Amino acid sequence: MRSILLSFCLACLLLAPTAHAAWGEFEYDFDNEKPWVELEAQLPPYPRLEAALPFFVSAATDNRFFIDPQSISVGEDGVVRYALIVISPSGATNITFEGMRCGAHEFKIYAFGRGGQWARNRYAQWKPIEYKDRNRQHHMLYDDFFCPGGIIAKDAPEIVFALKRGIHPRAEQP
């Protein structure tokens, strides 16, 4: 019996450093956030204006704003991707394919629409969403449709529903 107890104690001493190392790794993984990794953005089909959903930005601008519902995706990396269409009063149209990070409160332009095709933005970088009176489309998309209450929408159908309704149900809460 004594030899069994001695063997057990010896085994515990030999395994203790391994168990401590494993527990230390767990604590590190649990306590420290893993670095965020962005997925590669896949360009959607070029948007069709007749299918685009309008959204209100501000009375301070005469531009009209639309989102192509077919382009909306909510990535596993926490990025909402979408095609934004802006039409000026004179009829000039700007189309961009963008991404928005709710947690970081940022947006990025991946590509520009030109002549019915996408042209990748060679200088794409994440920029903060600014609250301003004019050109506040990103602010409105963030607050009312993609990230109401600072929480990312669960999927594309939820965002399409909110755009058709004019506001996300969570954005209405005080």
N, C-alpha and C. Protein backbone atom coordinates (compact mmCIF):
# COMPACT_ATOMS: atom_id res chain seq x y z
N MET A 1 0.81 -1.18 0.00
CA MET A 1 0.00 0.00 0.00
C MET A 1 0.87 1.26 0.00
N ARG A 2 1.96 1.15 0.77
CA ARG A 2 2.86 2.29 0.88
C ARG A 2 3.49 2.60 -0.48
N SER A 3 3.83 1.60 -1.26
CA SER A 3 4.46 1.82 -2.57
C SER A 3 3.46 2.43 -3.55
N ILE A 4 2.18 2.08 -3.43
CA ILE A 4 1.16 2.66 -4.31
C ILE A 4 1.01 4.15 -4.01
N LEU A 5 0.98 4.49 -2.72
CA LEU A 5 0.87 5.89 -2.31
C LEU A 5 2.08 6.68 -2.76
N LEU A 6 3.26 6.10 -2.61
CA LEU A 6 4.48 6.77 -3.04
C LEU A 6 4.48 6.96 -4.56
N SER A 7 4.03 5.97 -5.33
CA SER A 7 3.95 6.10 -6.79
C SER A 7 2.96 7.19 -7.18
N PHE A 8 1.83 7.25 -6.49
CA PHE A 8 0.83 8.28 -6.77
C PHE A 8 1.40 9.68 -6.52
N CYS A 9 2.07 9.87 -5.40
CA CYS A 9 2.66 11.17 -5.07
C CYS A 9 3.72 11.56 -6.10
N LEU A 10 4.53 10.61 -6.52
CA LEU A 10 5.55 10.88 -7.52
C LEU A 10 4.91 11.28 -8.85
N ALA A 11 3.84 10.60 -9.24
CA ALA A 11 3.13 10.94 -10.49
C ALA A 11 2.55 12.35 -10.41
N CYS A 12 2.00 12.69 -9.25
CA CYS A 12 1.44 14.05 -9.08
C CYS A 12 2.52 15.11 -9.20
N LEU A 13 3.67 14.84 -8.63
CA LEU A 13 4.78 15.80 -8.73
C LEU A 13 5.25 15.97 -10.17
N LEU A 14 5.26 14.88 -10.92
CA LEU A 14 5.71 14.95 -12.30
C LEU A 14 4.69 15.66 -13.19
N LEU A 15 3.40 15.50 -12.90
CA LEU A 15 2.35 16.11 -13.73
C LEU A 15 2.01 17.53 -13.32
N ALA A 16 2.38 17.95 -12.14
CA ALA A 16 2.02 19.28 -11.64
C ALA A 16 2.50 20.40 -12.55
N PRO A 17 3.75 20.41 -13.02
CA PRO A 17 4.16 21.50 -13.91
C PRO A 17 3.34 21.55 -15.20
N THR A 18 2.97 20.40 -15.74
CA THR A 18 2.17 20.36 -16.96
C THR A 18 0.79 20.92 -16.70
N ALA A 19 0.18 20.53 -15.61
CA ALA A 19 -1.16 21.01 -15.27
C ALA A 19 -1.13 22.51 -15.03
N HIS A 20 -0.09 22.99 -14.33
CA HIS A 20 0.02 24.43 -14.07
C HIS A 20 0.20 25.20 -15.38
N ALA A 21 1.02 24.66 -16.28
CA ALA A 21 1.23 25.33 -17.57
C ALA A 21 -0.07 25.38 -18.36
N ALA A 22 -0.81 24.29 -18.37
CA ALA A 22 -2.09 24.27 -19.09
C ALA A 22 -3.05 25.27 -18.47
N TRP A 23 -3.11 25.32 -17.14
CA TRP A 23 -4.01 26.27 -16.47
C TRP A 23 -3.57 27.70 -16.77
N GLY A 24 -2.27 27.94 -16.79
CA GLY A 24 -1.76 29.28 -17.11
C GLY A 24 -2.14 29.70 -18.52
N GLU A 25 -2.08 28.77 -19.49
CA GLU A 25 -2.48 29.08 -20.86
C GLU A 25 -3.97 29.40 -20.92
N PHE A 26 -4.77 28.64 -20.16
CA PHE A 26 -6.21 28.91 -20.13
C PHE A 26 -6.47 30.31 -19.59
N GLU A 27 -5.80 30.65 -18.47
CA GLU A 27 -6.01 31.99 -17.90
C GLU A 27 -5.58 33.07 -18.90
N TYR A 28 -4.48 32.85 -19.60
CA TYR A 28 -4.02 33.83 -20.58
C TYR A 28 -5.04 33.99 -21.70
N ASP A 29 -5.50 32.85 -22.24
CA ASP A 29 -6.49 32.90 -23.32
C ASP A 29 -7.79 33.52 -22.85
N PHE A 30 -8.16 33.25 -21.61
CA PHE A 30 -9.43 33.75 -21.09
C PHE A 30 -9.33 35.25 -20.79
N ASP A 31 -8.23 35.67 -20.18
CA ASP A 31 -8.09 37.06 -19.75
C ASP A 31 -7.67 38.01 -20.86
N ASN A 32 -7.00 37.52 -21.87
CA ASN A 32 -6.49 38.39 -22.92
C ASN A 32 -7.27 38.16 -24.21
N GLU A 33 -7.69 39.27 -24.81
CA GLU A 33 -8.42 39.16 -26.09
C GLU A 33 -7.46 38.70 -27.17
N LYS A 34 -7.96 37.86 -28.02
CA LYS A 34 -7.16 37.45 -29.17
C LYS A 34 -7.16 38.60 -30.17
N PRO A 35 -6.09 38.79 -30.91
CA PRO A 35 -6.06 39.89 -31.87
C PRO A 35 -7.11 39.70 -32.95
N TRP A 36 -7.75 40.79 -33.34
CA TRP A 36 -8.79 40.76 -34.36
C TRP A 36 -8.16 40.52 -35.72
N VAL A 37 -8.77 39.64 -36.50
CA VAL A 37 -8.30 39.35 -37.85
C VAL A 37 -9.45 39.61 -38.81
N GLU A 38 -9.22 40.47 -39.78
CA GLU A 38 -10.24 40.79 -40.77
C GLU A 38 -10.26 39.75 -41.87
N LEU A 39 -11.47 39.32 -42.24
CA LEU A 39 -11.62 38.42 -43.37
C LEU A 39 -11.45 39.21 -44.66
N GLU A 40 -11.02 38.54 -45.70
CA GLU A 40 -10.89 39.22 -46.99
C GLU A 40 -12.28 39.52 -47.54
N ALA A 41 -12.50 40.77 -47.89
CA ALA A 41 -13.81 41.18 -48.41
C ALA A 41 -13.98 40.69 -49.84
N GLN A 42 -15.10 40.02 -50.08
CA GLN A 42 -15.44 39.56 -51.42
C GLN A 42 -16.39 40.58 -52.05
N LEU A 43 -16.04 41.08 -53.21
CA LEU A 43 -16.88 42.08 -53.87
C LEU A 43 -18.20 41.44 -54.31
N PRO A 44 -19.31 42.12 -53.99
CA PRO A 44 -20.61 41.58 -54.39
C PRO A 44 -20.89 41.93 -55.85
N PRO A 45 -21.96 41.37 -56.42
CA PRO A 45 -22.36 41.83 -57.76
C PRO A 45 -22.63 43.33 -57.72
N TYR A 46 -22.44 43.98 -58.84
CA TYR A 46 -22.65 45.43 -58.90
C TYR A 46 -24.11 45.74 -58.59
N PRO A 47 -24.38 46.74 -57.74
CA PRO A 47 -25.77 47.01 -57.32
C PRO A 47 -26.66 47.55 -58.44
N ARG A 48 -27.94 47.23 -58.30
CA ARG A 48 -28.96 47.76 -59.20
C ARG A 48 -29.79 48.77 -58.40
N LEU A 49 -29.89 50.00 -58.89
CA LEU A 49 -30.58 51.05 -58.15
C LEU A 49 -32.04 50.71 -57.90
N GLU A 50 -32.69 50.03 -58.85
CA GLU A 50 -34.11 49.71 -58.68
C GLU A 50 -34.36 48.76 -57.50
N ALA A 51 -33.35 48.02 -57.08
CA ALA A 51 -33.51 47.10 -55.96
C ALA A 51 -33.02 47.71 -54.63
N ALA A 52 -32.38 48.87 -54.69
CA ALA A 52 -31.76 49.47 -53.51
C ALA A 52 -32.81 50.00 -52.53
N LEU A 53 -32.45 49.96 -51.25
CA LEU A 53 -33.34 50.43 -50.19
C LEU A 53 -32.89 51.80 -49.71
N PRO A 54 -33.79 52.80 -49.73
CA PRO A 54 -33.41 54.14 -49.29
C PRO A 54 -33.34 54.23 -47.76
N PHE A 55 -32.53 55.15 -47.27
CA PHE A 55 -32.55 55.46 -45.84
C PHE A 55 -32.30 56.96 -45.67
N PHE A 56 -32.91 57.53 -44.64
CA PHE A 56 -32.83 58.96 -44.38
C PHE A 56 -31.55 59.27 -43.62
N VAL A 57 -30.86 60.33 -44.07
CA VAL A 57 -29.63 60.73 -43.40
C VAL A 57 -29.84 62.02 -42.61
N SER A 58 -30.26 63.08 -43.29
CA SER A 58 -30.38 64.37 -42.60
C SER A 58 -31.09 65.37 -43.51
N ALA A 59 -31.77 66.30 -42.90
CA ALA A 59 -32.38 67.39 -43.66
C ALA A 59 -31.32 68.37 -44.14
N ALA A 60 -30.10 68.25 -43.63
CA ALA A 60 -29.01 69.15 -44.01
C ALA A 60 -28.40 68.79 -45.36
N THR A 61 -28.83 67.69 -45.98
CA THR A 61 -28.31 67.31 -47.29
C THR A 61 -29.45 67.00 -48.25
N ASP A 62 -29.24 67.35 -49.51
CA ASP A 62 -30.22 67.03 -50.55
C ASP A 62 -29.89 65.70 -51.22
N ASN A 63 -28.77 65.11 -50.88
CA ASN A 63 -28.40 63.81 -51.45
C ASN A 63 -29.38 62.74 -50.99
N ARG A 64 -29.54 61.72 -51.83
CA ARG A 64 -30.36 60.56 -51.47
C ARG A 64 -29.43 59.38 -51.26
N PHE A 65 -29.75 58.56 -50.27
CA PHE A 65 -28.88 57.47 -49.84
C PHE A 65 -29.61 56.14 -49.92
N PHE A 66 -28.89 55.11 -50.40
CA PHE A 66 -29.48 53.78 -50.59
C PHE A 66 -28.45 52.72 -50.20
N ILE A 67 -28.98 51.55 -49.81
CA ILE A 67 -28.15 50.36 -49.57
C ILE A 67 -28.67 49.26 -50.49
N ASP A 68 -27.76 48.57 -51.16
CA ASP A 68 -28.14 47.43 -51.99
C ASP A 68 -28.35 46.23 -51.07
N PRO A 69 -29.58 45.73 -50.95
CA PRO A 69 -29.83 44.63 -50.01
C PRO A 69 -29.08 43.34 -50.35
N GLN A 70 -28.79 43.12 -51.63
CA GLN A 70 -28.08 41.91 -52.05
C GLN A 70 -26.61 41.91 -51.60
N SER A 71 -26.09 43.09 -51.29
CA SER A 71 -24.68 43.20 -50.93
C SER A 71 -24.41 43.07 -49.44
N ILE A 72 -25.45 43.09 -48.62
CA ILE A 72 -25.27 43.12 -47.17
C ILE A 72 -24.83 41.75 -46.67
N SER A 73 -23.80 41.77 -45.81
CA SER A 73 -23.37 40.55 -45.12
C SER A 73 -22.86 40.93 -43.74
N VAL A 74 -22.98 40.00 -42.82
CA VAL A 74 -22.43 40.17 -41.48
C VAL A 74 -21.38 39.08 -41.33
N GLY A 75 -20.12 39.48 -41.37
CA GLY A 75 -19.02 38.51 -41.37
C GLY A 75 -18.70 37.95 -40.00
N GLU A 76 -18.06 36.79 -40.00
CA GLU A 76 -17.61 36.18 -38.75
C GLU A 76 -16.56 37.04 -38.05
N ASP A 77 -15.98 37.99 -38.79
CA ASP A 77 -14.99 38.89 -38.20
C ASP A 77 -15.66 40.11 -37.56
N GLY A 78 -16.99 40.14 -37.53
CA GLY A 78 -17.70 41.25 -36.90
C GLY A 78 -17.81 42.48 -37.78
N VAL A 79 -17.70 42.31 -39.08
CA VAL A 79 -17.80 43.43 -40.01
C VAL A 79 -19.09 43.29 -40.82
N VAL A 80 -19.87 44.38 -40.85
CA VAL A 80 -21.03 44.45 -41.73
C VAL A 80 -20.52 45.03 -43.04
N ARG A 81 -20.75 44.30 -44.13
CA ARG A 81 -20.32 44.77 -45.46
C ARG A 81 -21.55 45.06 -46.30
N TYR A 82 -21.45 46.11 -47.15
CA TYR A 82 -22.62 46.60 -47.87
C TYR A 82 -22.19 47.52 -49.01
N ALA A 83 -23.07 47.68 -49.99
CA ALA A 83 -22.86 48.65 -51.07
C ALA A 83 -23.72 49.86 -50.77
N LEU A 84 -23.08 51.02 -50.75
CA LEU A 84 -23.74 52.29 -50.47
C LEU A 84 -23.86 53.07 -51.78
N ILE A 85 -25.05 53.60 -52.03
CA ILE A 85 -25.30 54.39 -53.23
C ILE A 85 -25.75 55.79 -52.78
N VAL A 86 -25.06 56.80 -53.29
CA VAL A 86 -25.40 58.19 -52.96
C VAL A 86 -25.68 58.91 -54.27
N ILE A 87 -26.84 59.55 -54.34
CA ILE A 87 -27.24 60.28 -55.56
C ILE A 87 -27.44 61.74 -55.20
N SER A 88 -26.73 62.62 -55.90
CA SER A 88 -26.84 64.06 -55.66
C SER A 88 -28.09 64.60 -56.35
N PRO A 89 -28.51 65.83 -56.00
CA PRO A 89 -29.68 66.44 -56.66
C PRO A 89 -29.50 66.57 -58.18
N SER A 90 -28.26 66.69 -58.65
CA SER A 90 -28.02 66.82 -60.09
C SER A 90 -28.00 65.46 -60.78
N GLY A 91 -28.08 64.36 -60.00
CA GLY A 91 -28.10 63.02 -60.59
C GLY A 91 -26.77 62.31 -60.55
N ALA A 92 -25.71 62.97 -60.08
CA ALA A 92 -24.41 62.31 -59.96
C ALA A 92 -24.53 61.18 -58.94
N THR A 93 -23.99 60.01 -59.30
CA THR A 93 -24.12 58.83 -58.45
C THR A 93 -22.75 58.34 -57.99
N ASN A 94 -22.61 58.14 -56.71
CA ASN A 94 -21.40 57.55 -56.13
C ASN A 94 -21.79 56.21 -55.51
N ILE A 95 -21.04 55.18 -55.85
CA ILE A 95 -21.30 53.85 -55.32
C ILE A 95 -20.01 53.33 -54.70
N THR A 96 -20.12 52.85 -53.47
CA THR A 96 -18.96 52.29 -52.78
C THR A 96 -19.35 50.97 -52.13
N PHE A 97 -18.38 50.08 -52.02
CA PHE A 97 -18.55 48.87 -51.24
C PHE A 97 -17.75 49.07 -49.98
N GLU A 98 -18.42 48.97 -48.82
CA GLU A 98 -17.81 49.35 -47.56
C GLU A 98 -17.97 48.27 -46.50
N GLY A 99 -17.27 48.47 -45.40
CA GLY A 99 -17.42 47.64 -44.22
C GLY A 99 -17.53 48.52 -43.00
N MET A 100 -18.22 48.01 -41.97
CA MET A 100 -18.37 48.76 -40.72
C MET A 100 -18.13 47.81 -39.56
N ARG A 101 -17.28 48.26 -38.62
CA ARG A 101 -16.99 47.51 -37.40
C ARG A 101 -17.71 48.18 -36.24
N CYS A 102 -18.69 47.49 -35.70
CA CYS A 102 -19.48 48.07 -34.62
C CYS A 102 -18.64 48.29 -33.35
N GLY A 103 -17.88 47.27 -32.96
CA GLY A 103 -17.11 47.36 -31.73
C GLY A 103 -16.06 48.46 -31.75
N ALA A 104 -15.47 48.69 -32.90
CA ALA A 104 -14.42 49.71 -33.03
C ALA A 104 -14.97 51.06 -33.47
N HIS A 105 -16.24 51.09 -33.88
CA HIS A 105 -16.88 52.33 -34.35
C HIS A 105 -16.12 52.91 -35.55
N GLU A 106 -15.86 52.03 -36.56
CA GLU A 106 -15.08 52.41 -37.73
C GLU A 106 -15.76 51.93 -39.01
N PHE A 107 -15.34 52.54 -40.14
CA PHE A 107 -15.78 52.08 -41.45
C PHE A 107 -14.59 52.08 -42.40
N LYS A 108 -14.76 51.33 -43.49
CA LYS A 108 -13.69 51.20 -44.47
C LYS A 108 -14.32 51.09 -45.85
N ILE A 109 -13.74 51.77 -46.83
CA ILE A 109 -14.22 51.68 -48.22
C ILE A 109 -13.32 50.69 -48.95
N TYR A 110 -13.89 49.54 -49.34
CA TYR A 110 -13.14 48.50 -50.04
C TYR A 110 -13.02 48.78 -51.53
N ALA A 111 -14.09 49.34 -52.13
CA ALA A 111 -14.09 49.52 -53.59
C ALA A 111 -15.03 50.66 -53.99
N PHE A 112 -14.77 51.19 -55.17
CA PHE A 112 -15.60 52.25 -55.76
C PHE A 112 -16.28 51.69 -57.00
N GLY A 113 -17.51 52.14 -57.23
CA GLY A 113 -18.22 51.74 -58.44
C GLY A 113 -17.89 52.67 -59.58
N ARG A 114 -17.52 52.09 -60.72
CA ARG A 114 -17.19 52.88 -61.91
C ARG A 114 -17.69 52.15 -63.14
N GLY A 115 -18.62 52.80 -63.86
CA GLY A 115 -19.09 52.23 -65.11
C GLY A 115 -19.65 50.83 -65.00
N GLY A 116 -20.34 50.54 -63.92
CA GLY A 116 -20.94 49.22 -63.76
C GLY A 116 -20.00 48.16 -63.24
N GLN A 117 -18.79 48.56 -62.80
CA GLN A 117 -17.82 47.59 -62.28
C GLN A 117 -17.19 48.14 -61.00
N TRP A 118 -16.63 47.23 -60.23
CA TRP A 118 -15.92 47.63 -59.01
C TRP A 118 -14.45 47.91 -59.31
N ALA A 119 -13.92 48.94 -58.68
CA ALA A 119 -12.48 49.23 -58.70
C ALA A 119 -12.02 49.21 -57.24
N ARG A 120 -11.12 48.30 -56.91
CA ARG A 120 -10.66 48.19 -55.52
C ARG A 120 -9.99 49.48 -55.05
N ASN A 121 -10.22 49.80 -53.80
CA ASN A 121 -9.59 50.96 -53.17
C ASN A 121 -8.20 50.53 -52.70
N ARG A 122 -7.18 51.01 -53.36
CA ARG A 122 -5.80 50.62 -53.01
C ARG A 122 -5.37 51.21 -51.68
N TYR A 123 -6.08 52.21 -51.21
CA TYR A 123 -5.71 52.89 -49.97
C TYR A 123 -6.72 52.63 -48.85
N ALA A 124 -7.41 51.51 -48.94
CA ALA A 124 -8.45 51.18 -47.96
C ALA A 124 -7.86 51.09 -46.55
N GLN A 125 -8.49 51.80 -45.63
CA GLN A 125 -8.09 51.73 -44.23
C GLN A 125 -9.28 52.06 -43.35
N TRP A 126 -9.25 51.54 -42.14
CA TRP A 126 -10.33 51.80 -41.20
C TRP A 126 -10.25 53.24 -40.72
N LYS A 127 -11.42 53.90 -40.70
CA LYS A 127 -11.51 55.29 -40.25
C LYS A 127 -12.63 55.40 -39.22
N PRO A 128 -12.47 56.31 -38.25
CA PRO A 128 -13.53 56.45 -37.26
C PRO A 128 -14.80 57.03 -37.87
N ILE A 129 -15.93 56.61 -37.35
CA ILE A 129 -17.21 57.17 -37.77
C ILE A 129 -17.39 58.47 -37.01
N GLU A 130 -17.51 59.55 -37.74
CA GLU A 130 -17.62 60.87 -37.12
C GLU A 130 -19.07 61.33 -37.10
N TYR A 131 -19.43 61.99 -36.03
CA TYR A 131 -20.76 62.57 -35.91
C TYR A 131 -20.70 64.01 -36.39
N LYS A 132 -21.33 64.28 -37.53
CA LYS A 132 -21.33 65.62 -38.10
C LYS A 132 -22.69 65.89 -38.75
N ASP A 133 -22.96 67.15 -39.03
CA ASP A 133 -24.26 67.53 -39.58
C ASP A 133 -24.44 67.07 -41.02
N ARG A 134 -23.44 67.25 -41.85
CA ARG A 134 -23.53 66.87 -43.26
C ARG A 134 -22.74 65.58 -43.48
N ASN A 135 -23.12 64.84 -44.49
CA ASN A 135 -22.43 63.58 -44.83
C ASN A 135 -22.31 62.66 -43.62
N ARG A 136 -23.42 62.46 -42.97
CA ARG A 136 -23.42 61.62 -41.78
C ARG A 136 -24.03 60.25 -42.03
N GLN A 137 -23.91 59.77 -43.27
CA GLN A 137 -24.50 58.48 -43.61
C GLN A 137 -23.94 57.33 -42.78
N HIS A 138 -22.65 57.36 -42.48
CA HIS A 138 -22.06 56.27 -41.69
C HIS A 138 -22.60 56.30 -40.26
N HIS A 139 -22.76 57.48 -39.74
CA HIS A 139 -23.33 57.64 -38.40
C HIS A 139 -24.75 57.06 -38.36
N MET A 140 -25.55 57.36 -39.37
CA MET A 140 -26.93 56.87 -39.41
C MET A 140 -26.96 55.34 -39.59
N LEU A 141 -26.11 54.82 -40.47
CA LEU A 141 -26.06 53.37 -40.67
C LEU A 141 -25.65 52.67 -39.38
N TYR A 142 -24.67 53.24 -38.70
CA TYR A 142 -24.21 52.66 -37.44
C TYR A 142 -25.33 52.65 -36.41
N ASP A 143 -25.92 53.80 -36.13
CA ASP A 143 -26.91 53.93 -35.06
C ASP A 143 -28.24 53.26 -35.37
N ASP A 144 -28.72 53.39 -36.59
CA ASP A 144 -30.09 52.98 -36.89
C ASP A 144 -30.24 51.61 -37.53
N PHE A 145 -29.17 51.06 -38.13
CA PHE A 145 -29.36 49.83 -38.90
C PHE A 145 -28.35 48.72 -38.60
N PHE A 146 -27.06 49.05 -38.60
CA PHE A 146 -26.04 48.01 -38.49
C PHE A 146 -25.63 47.71 -37.05
N CYS A 147 -25.59 48.74 -36.20
CA CYS A 147 -25.05 48.59 -34.84
C CYS A 147 -25.93 49.28 -33.80
N PRO A 148 -27.24 49.09 -33.83
CA PRO A 148 -28.08 49.79 -32.87
C PRO A 148 -27.70 49.44 -31.44
N GLY A 149 -27.57 50.47 -30.61
CA GLY A 149 -27.13 50.24 -29.24
C GLY A 149 -25.69 49.79 -29.15
N GLY A 150 -24.92 49.95 -30.23
CA GLY A 150 -23.52 49.53 -30.25
C GLY A 150 -23.33 48.04 -30.46
N ILE A 151 -24.42 47.31 -30.72
CA ILE A 151 -24.35 45.86 -30.89
C ILE A 151 -24.62 45.52 -32.36
N ILE A 152 -23.75 44.72 -32.94
CA ILE A 152 -23.87 44.37 -34.36
C ILE A 152 -25.17 43.60 -34.62
N ALA A 153 -25.80 43.92 -35.75
CA ALA A 153 -26.99 43.18 -36.18
C ALA A 153 -26.60 41.72 -36.39
N LYS A 154 -27.57 40.81 -36.20
CA LYS A 154 -27.21 39.39 -36.25
C LYS A 154 -26.96 38.87 -37.66
N ASP A 155 -27.70 39.41 -38.66
CA ASP A 155 -27.51 38.91 -40.03
C ASP A 155 -28.11 39.89 -41.04
N ALA A 156 -27.91 39.58 -42.31
CA ALA A 156 -28.39 40.45 -43.39
C ALA A 156 -29.91 40.62 -43.39
N PRO A 157 -30.70 39.53 -43.20
CA PRO A 157 -32.16 39.73 -43.18
C PRO A 157 -32.63 40.71 -42.10
N GLU A 158 -31.96 40.71 -40.95
CA GLU A 158 -32.32 41.65 -39.89
C GLU A 158 -32.06 43.09 -40.35
N ILE A 159 -30.96 43.31 -41.04
CA ILE A 159 -30.62 44.65 -41.53
C ILE A 159 -31.60 45.07 -42.62
N VAL A 160 -31.92 44.17 -43.53
CA VAL A 160 -32.87 44.49 -44.61
C VAL A 160 -34.23 44.85 -43.99
N PHE A 161 -34.66 44.09 -42.99
CA PHE A 161 -35.92 44.38 -42.31
C PHE A 161 -35.88 45.79 -41.72
N ALA A 162 -34.78 46.14 -41.05
CA ALA A 162 -34.66 47.47 -40.44
C ALA A 162 -34.66 48.57 -41.50
N LEU A 163 -33.98 48.35 -42.62
CA LEU A 163 -33.96 49.35 -43.69
C LEU A 163 -35.35 49.55 -44.29
N LYS A 164 -36.08 48.47 -44.47
CA LYS A 164 -37.44 48.58 -45.01
C LYS A 164 -38.36 49.29 -44.02
N ARG A 165 -38.12 49.07 -42.75
CA ARG A 165 -38.93 49.67 -41.69
C ARG A 165 -38.55 51.12 -41.44
N GLY A 166 -37.30 51.47 -41.74
CA GLY A 166 -36.82 52.84 -41.53
C GLY A 166 -35.96 53.00 -40.30
N ILE A 167 -35.90 51.98 -39.46
CA ILE A 167 -35.06 52.01 -38.27
C ILE A 167 -35.06 50.61 -37.65
N HIS A 168 -33.97 50.24 -37.01
CA HIS A 168 -33.88 48.96 -36.33
C HIS A 168 -34.67 49.05 -35.03
N PRO A 169 -35.43 48.01 -34.66
CA PRO A 169 -36.22 48.07 -33.43
C PRO A 169 -35.38 48.42 -32.18
N ARG A 170 -34.13 47.93 -32.12
CA ARG A 170 -33.27 48.24 -30.99
C ARG A 170 -32.90 49.71 -30.94
N ALA A 171 -32.86 50.38 -32.10
CA ALA A 171 -32.48 51.80 -32.15
C ALA A 171 -33.58 52.68 -31.58
N GLU A 172 -34.79 52.18 -31.49
CA GLU A 172 -35.91 52.97 -30.97
C GLU A 172 -35.92 53.02 -29.45
N GLN A 173 -35.22 52.10 -28.81
CA GLN A 173 -35.24 52.05 -27.36
C GLN A 173 -34.49 53.23 -26.76
N PRO A 174 -35.02 53.80 -25.67
CA PRO A 174 -34.35 54.97 -25.06
C PRO A 174 -33.05 54.63 -24.41
